[in-house]
Amino acid sequence: MRWIEGGAHDIGVTGADLAIMTGHVAQFFVRDDEWSSALDTLRAALRTGGRLAFETRNPGAREWEHWTRERARTVVDPTAGPIETWTDVHDVRAGVVSCTNHYVFAASGEELVSPVQLRFHTRDELAASLAAAGFELDHLYGDWDRRPAGPTTPELIVVATTSR
């Protein structure tokens, strides 16, 4: 067994048994051509019958409506100490959320600001894009407890198998 860490275009192998996308990374492919290219590359790296697994937020849950300064949270990094973080949403259009992530380091008062766009794919969009890339959708869960995906479950957790 061999573990390869990297982006879809960094894999450089064929015949892999499993590809995993973590940390809601599927949402960072905002344009259809970017998403299709990533799926095509992953499909090429997997053997027939290989699996792809990833999670993305369910647009039906409308999680971005809760991303406000008032809902800031503090995380503690072992090196940097307490970090206050929150997200400001600027625009939601055609499944794409434009927002800014804020990180304030308590020790120094420094604030880092990171603008980002995230794509919230619907169940139907995911199923169609997977099929177009040569995957069959095996499982679609609505959260980490493996409940079925519903209209407002928080997650869309995908397990798909290569079909060709």
C-alpha atoms as a PDB file:
ATOM      1  CA  MET A   1       0.000   0.000   0.000  1.00  0.00           C
ATOM      2  CA  ARG A   2       1.194   3.508  -0.840  1.00  0.00           C
ATOM      3  CA  TRP A   3      -0.270   6.865   0.243  1.00  0.00           C
ATOM      4  CA  ILE A   4       0.063   9.810  -2.170  1.00  0.00           C
ATOM      5  CA  GLU A   5      -0.724  13.320  -0.971  1.00  0.00           C
ATOM      6  CA  GLY A   6      -1.366  16.109  -3.447  1.00  0.00           C
ATOM      7  CA  GLY A   7      -3.778  17.780  -5.796  1.00  0.00           C
ATOM      8  CA  ALA A   8      -5.640  15.989  -8.561  1.00  0.00           C
ATOM      9  CA  HIS A   9      -3.037  16.964 -11.150  1.00  0.00           C
ATOM     10  CA  ASP A  10      -0.153  15.945  -8.852  1.00  0.00           C
ATOM     11  CA  ILE A  11      -1.145  12.302  -8.572  1.00  0.00           C
ATOM     12  CA  GLY A  12       0.632  11.066 -11.693  1.00  0.00           C
ATOM     13  CA  VAL A  13      -0.417   7.436 -11.211  1.00  0.00           C
ATOM     14  CA  THR A  14      -2.983   5.079 -12.619  1.00  0.00           C
ATOM     15  CA  GLY A  15      -4.558   2.056 -11.027  1.00  0.00           C
ATOM     16  CA  ALA A  16      -5.174   3.566  -7.591  1.00  0.00           C
ATOM     17  CA  ASP A  17      -7.861   1.962  -5.454  1.00  0.00           C
ATOM     18  CA  LEU A  18      -9.086   5.071  -3.661  1.00  0.00           C
ATOM     19  CA  ALA A  19      -8.983   8.852  -3.985  1.00  0.00           C
ATOM     20  CA  ILE A  20     -10.171  11.067  -1.124  1.00  0.00           C
ATOM     21  CA  MET A  21     -10.848  14.799  -1.204  1.00  0.00           C
ATOM     22  CA  THR A  22     -11.003  16.231   2.331  1.00  0.00           C
ATOM     23  CA  GLY A  23     -11.833  19.525   4.007  1.00  0.00           C
ATOM     24  CA  HIS A  24     -14.707  20.411   1.658  1.00  0.00           C
ATOM     25  CA  VAL A  25     -12.103  20.929  -1.081  1.00  0.00           C
ATOM     26  CA  ALA A  26     -14.734  20.081  -3.707  1.00  0.00           C
ATOM     27  CA  GLN A  27     -16.252  23.497  -2.992  1.00  0.00           C
ATOM     28  CA  PHE A  28     -13.115  25.298  -4.153  1.00  0.00           C
ATOM     29  CA  PHE A  29     -13.738  24.177  -7.749  1.00  0.00           C
ATOM     30  CA  VAL A  30     -16.020  27.088  -8.557  1.00  0.00           C
ATOM     31  CA  ARG A  31     -16.206  26.808 -12.347  1.00  0.00           C
ATOM     32  CA  ASP A  32     -17.712  23.763 -14.087  1.00  0.00           C
ATOM     33  CA  ASP A  33     -14.572  23.258 -16.205  1.00  0.00           C
ATOM     34  CA  GLU A  34     -12.360  23.181 -13.065  1.00  0.00           C
ATOM     35  CA  TRP A  35     -14.619  20.617 -11.394  1.00  0.00           C
ATOM     36  CA  SER A  36     -14.870  18.466 -14.539  1.00  0.00           C
ATOM     37  CA  SER A  37     -11.105  18.545 -14.999  1.00  0.00           C
ATOM     38  CA  ALA A  38     -10.514  17.455 -11.393  1.00  0.00           C
ATOM     39  CA  LEU A  39     -12.994  14.581 -11.723  1.00  0.00           C
ATOM     40  CA  ASP A  40     -11.501  13.493 -15.062  1.00  0.00           C
ATOM     41  CA  THR A  41      -8.000  13.505 -13.571  1.00  0.00           C
ATOM     42  CA  LEU A  42      -9.124  11.516 -10.541  1.00  0.00           C
ATOM     43  CA  ARG A  43     -10.965   9.043 -12.764  1.00  0.00           C
ATOM     44  CA  ALA A  44      -7.805   8.538 -14.842  1.00  0.00           C
ATOM     45  CA  ALA A  45      -5.811   7.822 -11.679  1.00  0.00           C
ATOM     46  CA  LEU A  46      -8.236   5.160 -10.435  1.00  0.00           C
ATOM     47  CA  ARG A  47      -8.527   1.576 -11.593  1.00  0.00           C
ATOM     48  CA  THR A  48     -11.878   0.301 -12.840  1.00  0.00           C
ATOM     49  CA  GLY A  49     -13.867  -0.286  -9.674  1.00  0.00           C
ATOM     50  CA  GLY A  50     -11.751   2.247  -7.753  1.00  0.00           C
ATOM     51  CA  ARG A  51     -13.494   4.641  -5.398  1.00  0.00           C
ATOM     52  CA  LEU A  52     -13.672   8.368  -4.946  1.00  0.00           C
ATOM     53  CA  ALA A  53     -14.848   9.827  -1.625  1.00  0.00           C
ATOM     54  CA  PHE A  54     -15.428  13.455  -0.686  1.00  0.00           C
ATOM     55  CA  GLU A  55     -17.678  15.771   1.252  1.00  0.00           C
ATOM     56  CA  THR A  56     -19.247  19.076   0.361  1.00  0.00           C
ATOM     57  CA  ARG A  57     -21.782  21.250   2.120  1.00  0.00           C
ATOM     58  CA  ASN A  58     -25.400  20.839   1.100  1.00  0.00           C
ATOM     59  CA  PRO A  59     -26.715  24.067  -0.481  1.00  0.00           C
ATOM     60  CA  GLY A  60     -30.179  23.255   0.894  1.00  0.00           C
ATOM     61  CA  ALA A  61     -28.886  23.767   4.444  1.00  0.00           C
ATOM     62  CA  ARG A  62     -27.878  27.347   3.535  1.00  0.00           C
ATOM     63  CA  GLU A  63     -24.998  27.243   6.027  1.00  0.00           C
ATOM     64  CA  TRP A  64     -23.589  30.560   4.774  1.00  0.00           C
ATOM     65  CA  GLU A  65     -26.535  32.335   6.409  1.00  0.00           C
ATOM     66  CA  HIS A  66     -24.894  31.559   9.765  1.00  0.00           C
ATOM     67  CA  TRP A  67     -21.450  32.856   8.801  1.00  0.00           C
ATOM     68  CA  THR A  68     -21.400  36.174  10.633  1.00  0.00           C
ATOM     69  CA  ARG A  69     -19.108  38.186  12.885  1.00  0.00           C
ATOM     70  CA  GLU A  70     -21.550  37.566  15.723  1.00  0.00           C
ATOM     71  CA  ARG A  71     -20.872  33.826  15.432  1.00  0.00           C
ATOM     72  CA  ALA A  72     -17.105  34.147  15.685  1.00  0.00           C
ATOM     73  CA  ARG A  73     -15.338  31.324  17.435  1.00  0.00           C
ATOM     74  CA  THR A  74     -11.945  30.948  19.027  1.00  0.00           C
ATOM     75  CA  VAL A  75      -9.607  28.072  18.303  1.00  0.00           C
ATOM     76  CA  VAL A  76      -6.339  27.478  20.108  1.00  0.00           C
ATOM     77  CA  ASP A  77      -3.265  26.661  18.060  1.00  0.00           C
ATOM     78  CA  PRO A  78      -0.449  25.041  20.076  1.00  0.00           C
ATOM     79  CA  THR A  79       2.086  27.499  18.646  1.00  0.00           C
ATOM     80  CA  ALA A  80       0.127  30.670  17.857  1.00  0.00           C
ATOM     81  CA  GLY A  81      -2.274  30.518  20.803  1.00  0.00           C
ATOM     82  CA  PRO A  82      -5.910  31.657  20.623  1.00  0.00           C
ATOM     83  CA  ILE A  83      -7.193  32.675  17.191  1.00  0.00           C
ATOM     84  CA  GLU A  84     -10.589  34.269  16.719  1.00  0.00           C
ATOM     85  CA  THR A  85     -12.161  33.388  13.382  1.00  0.00           C
ATOM     86  CA  TRP A  86     -15.301  34.314  11.478  1.00  0.00           C
ATOM     87  CA  THR A  87     -16.585  34.668   7.938  1.00  0.00           C
ATOM     88  CA  ASP A  88     -18.334  37.614   6.261  1.00  0.00           C
ATOM     89  CA  VAL A  89     -20.550  36.684   3.299  1.00  0.00           C
ATOM     90  CA  HIS A  90     -20.687  39.250   0.495  1.00  0.00           C
ATOM     91  CA  ASP A  91     -22.702  37.579  -2.251  1.00  0.00           C
ATOM     92  CA  VAL A  92     -24.541  34.359  -3.053  1.00  0.00           C
ATOM     93  CA  ARG A  93     -25.230  33.775  -6.718  1.00  0.00           C
ATOM     94  CA  ALA A  94     -25.804  30.630  -8.803  1.00  0.00           C
ATOM     95  CA  GLY A  95     -24.540  28.318  -6.076  1.00  0.00           C
ATOM     96  CA  VAL A  96     -21.376  30.360  -5.483  1.00  0.00           C
ATOM     97  CA  VAL A  97     -20.789  32.036  -2.126  1.00  0.00           C
ATOM     98  CA  SER A  98     -18.303  34.932  -2.118  1.00  0.00           C
ATOM     99  CA  CYS A  99     -16.979  35.598   1.365  1.00  0.00           C
ATOM    100  CA  THR A 100     -14.013  36.678   3.439  1.00  0.00           C
ATOM    101  CA  ASN A 101     -12.469  34.619   6.234  1.00  0.00           C
ATOM    102  CA  HIS A 102     -10.979  36.547   9.156  1.00  0.00           C
ATOM    103  CA  TYR A 103      -8.367  35.294  11.626  1.00  0.00           C
ATOM    104  CA  VAL A 104      -7.304  37.455  14.585  1.00  0.00           C
ATOM    105  CA  PHE A 105      -4.316  36.246  16.606  1.00  0.00           C
ATOM    106  CA  ALA A 106      -4.778  37.153  20.267  1.00  0.00           C
ATOM    107  CA  ALA A 107      -1.047  37.194  21.059  1.00  0.00           C
ATOM    108  CA  SER A 108      -0.181  39.835  18.468  1.00  0.00           C
ATOM    109  CA  GLY A 109      -3.504  41.378  17.473  1.00  0.00           C
ATOM    110  CA  GLU A 110      -2.603  40.627  13.853  1.00  0.00           C
ATOM    111  CA  GLU A 111      -5.554  39.964  11.532  1.00  0.00           C
ATOM    112  CA  LEU A 112      -5.307  37.851   8.421  1.00  0.00           C
ATOM    113  CA  VAL A 113      -8.027  38.240   5.823  1.00  0.00           C
ATOM    114  CA  SER A 114      -8.669  35.634   3.137  1.00  0.00           C
ATOM    115  CA  PRO A 115     -11.242  36.273   0.393  1.00  0.00           C
ATOM    116  CA  VAL A 116     -12.697  33.103  -1.112  1.00  0.00           C
ATOM    117  CA  GLN A 117     -15.425  31.814  -3.390  1.00  0.00           C
ATOM    118  CA  LEU A 118     -17.066  28.465  -2.658  1.00  0.00           C
ATOM    119  CA  ARG A 119     -19.361  26.452  -4.917  1.00  0.00           C
ATOM    120  CA  PHE A 120     -22.273  24.659  -3.301  1.00  0.00           C
ATOM    121  CA  HIS A 121     -23.140  21.844  -5.753  1.00  0.00           C
ATOM    122  CA  THR A 122     -26.626  20.386  -5.578  1.00  0.00           C
ATOM    123  CA  ARG A 123     -27.220  16.639  -5.380  1.00  0.00           C
ATOM    124  CA  ASP A 124     -28.278  16.620  -9.031  1.00  0.00           C
ATOM    125  CA  GLU A 125     -25.198  18.591 -10.120  1.00  0.00           C
ATOM    126  CA  LEU A 126     -22.929  16.178  -8.259  1.00  0.00           C
ATOM    127  CA  ALA A 127     -24.628  13.107  -9.746  1.00  0.00           C
ATOM    128  CA  ALA A 128     -24.464  14.500 -13.297  1.00  0.00           C
ATOM    129  CA  SER A 129     -20.829  15.596 -13.052  1.00  0.00           C
ATOM    130  CA  LEU A 130     -19.769  12.255 -11.568  1.00  0.00           C
ATOM    131  CA  ALA A 131     -21.572  10.316 -14.302  1.00  0.00           C
ATOM    132  CA  ALA A 132     -20.003  12.497 -17.007  1.00  0.00           C
ATOM    133  CA  ALA A 133     -16.555  11.695 -15.599  1.00  0.00           C
ATOM    134  CA  GLY A 134     -17.190   7.944 -15.509  1.00  0.00           C
ATOM    135  CA  PHE A 135     -18.279   7.409 -11.914  1.00  0.00           C
ATOM    136  CA  GLU A 136     -21.322   5.678 -10.465  1.00  0.00           C
ATOM    137  CA  LEU A 137     -22.709   7.168  -7.269  1.00  0.00           C
ATOM    138  CA  ASP A 138     -22.657   4.414  -4.615  1.00  0.00           C
ATOM    139  CA  HIS A 139     -23.569   6.367  -1.490  1.00  0.00           C
ATOM    140  CA  LEU A 140     -24.749   9.859  -0.730  1.00  0.00           C
ATOM    141  CA  TYR A 141     -24.897  10.582   2.980  1.00  0.00           C
ATOM    142  CA  GLY A 142     -26.323  13.666   4.647  1.00  0.00           C
ATOM    143  CA  ASP A 143     -23.815  13.805   7.489  1.00  0.00           C
ATOM    144  CA  TRP A 144     -21.004  11.856   9.162  1.00  0.00           C
ATOM    145  CA  ASP A 145     -23.466   9.562  10.950  1.00  0.00           C
ATOM    146  CA  ARG A 146     -24.353   8.123   7.505  1.00  0.00           C
ATOM    147  CA  ARG A 147     -27.934   9.361   7.551  1.00  0.00           C
ATOM    148  CA  PRO A 148     -29.432   9.624   4.058  1.00  0.00           C
ATOM    149  CA  ALA A 149     -28.917  12.950   2.308  1.00  0.00           C
ATOM    150  CA  GLY A 150     -32.026  15.075   2.508  1.00  0.00           C
ATOM    151  CA  PRO A 151     -33.023  18.530   1.316  1.00  0.00           C
ATOM    152  CA  THR A 152     -31.458  20.271   4.340  1.00  0.00           C
ATOM    153  CA  THR A 153     -28.941  17.796   5.779  1.00  0.00           C
ATOM    154  CA  PRO A 154     -25.686  19.672   6.483  1.00  0.00           C
ATOM    155  CA  GLU A 155     -23.405  17.616   4.250  1.00  0.00           C
ATOM    156  CA  LEU A 156     -23.349  15.729   0.981  1.00  0.00           C
ATOM    157  CA  ILE A 157     -20.860  12.941   1.580  1.00  0.00           C
ATOM    158  CA  VAL A 158     -20.142  11.111  -1.661  1.00  0.00           C
ATOM    159  CA  VAL A 159     -18.739   7.663  -2.318  1.00  0.00           C
ATOM    160  CA  ALA A 160     -18.524   6.842  -6.026  1.00  0.00           C
ATOM    161  CA  THR A 161     -17.016   3.984  -8.040  1.00  0.00           C
ATOM    162  CA  THR A 162     -15.361   4.179 -11.431  1.00  0.00           C
ATOM    163  CA  SER A 163     -17.686   2.705 -14.026  1.00  0.00           C
ATOM    164  CA  ARG A 164     -15.446   2.494 -17.069  1.00  0.00           C
END
